[in-house]
């Protein structure tokens, strides 16, 4: 199993758009990595971001 961690700066006034990330970046990850054996994608985020998401990422 491999784990990839992506971190973004937490600067004053910055916001992370969890929904955009889930809808745009995760499908790209699946598209590119599935041919290499990707089985599962999980996104972990602080509880405040998870609460802002409209639905879980599957």
Protein backbone atom coordinates (compact mmCIF):
# COMPACT_ATOMS: atom_id res chain seq x y z
CA UNK A 1 0.00 0.00 0.00
CA UNK A 2 1.16 3.52 -0.77
CA UNK A 3 -0.06 6.70 0.87
CA UNK A 4 0.24 10.08 -0.82
CA UNK A 5 -0.07 13.17 1.34
CA UNK A 6 -0.85 16.53 -0.22
CA UNK A 7 -0.50 19.56 2.02
CA UNK A 8 -1.47 23.15 1.35
CA UNK A 9 -0.27 26.25 3.20
CA UNK A 10 -2.53 27.48 5.97
CA UNK A 11 -2.00 31.19 5.67
CA UNK A 12 -4.08 33.87 7.31
CA UNK A 13 -7.13 34.61 5.17
CA UNK A 14 -6.69 31.60 2.89
CA UNK A 15 -9.50 29.12 2.30
CA UNK A 16 -9.39 25.56 1.02
CA UNK A 17 -12.31 24.62 -1.22
CA UNK A 18 -12.91 21.01 -0.19
CA UNK A 19 -15.84 20.54 -2.60
CA UNK A 20 -13.81 21.82 -5.58
CA UNK A 21 -10.90 19.57 -4.61
CA UNK A 22 -13.19 16.54 -4.37
CA UNK A 23 -14.99 17.26 -7.64
CA UNK A 24 -11.98 18.26 -9.76
CA UNK A 25 -8.80 16.75 -8.37
CA UNK A 26 -9.98 13.35 -7.13
CA UNK A 27 -11.47 12.31 -10.51
CA UNK A 28 -8.15 13.27 -12.13
CA UNK A 29 -6.25 11.14 -9.61
CA UNK A 30 -8.53 8.19 -10.34
CA UNK A 31 -8.21 8.64 -14.10
CA UNK A 32 -4.42 8.79 -14.02
CA UNK A 33 -3.69 6.20 -11.33
CA UNK A 34 -6.36 3.53 -11.99
CA UNK A 35 -4.33 2.03 -14.88
CA UNK A 36 -1.46 1.60 -12.40
CA UNK A 37 -3.59 -0.32 -9.91
CA UNK A 38 -5.30 2.36 -7.81
CA UNK A 39 -7.99 0.67 -5.74
CA UNK A 40 -9.17 3.38 -3.36
CA UNK A 41 -9.03 7.13 -2.75
CA UNK A 42 -9.58 8.67 0.66
CA UNK A 43 -9.52 12.35 1.48
CA UNK A 44 -8.87 13.33 5.08
CA UNK A 45 -9.51 16.86 6.18
CA UNK A 46 -10.11 18.79 9.39
CA UNK A 47 -13.65 18.34 10.70
CA UNK A 48 -14.63 21.88 9.69
CA UNK A 49 -13.90 21.05 6.05
CA UNK A 50 -15.65 17.70 6.20
CA UNK A 51 -18.76 19.40 7.57
CA UNK A 52 -18.69 21.83 4.63
CA UNK A 53 -18.66 19.05 2.05
CA UNK A 54 -22.06 18.22 0.63
CA UNK A 55 -21.42 14.49 0.35
CA UNK A 56 -18.70 12.00 1.18
CA UNK A 57 -16.11 11.12 -1.43
CA UNK A 58 -16.46 7.53 -2.59
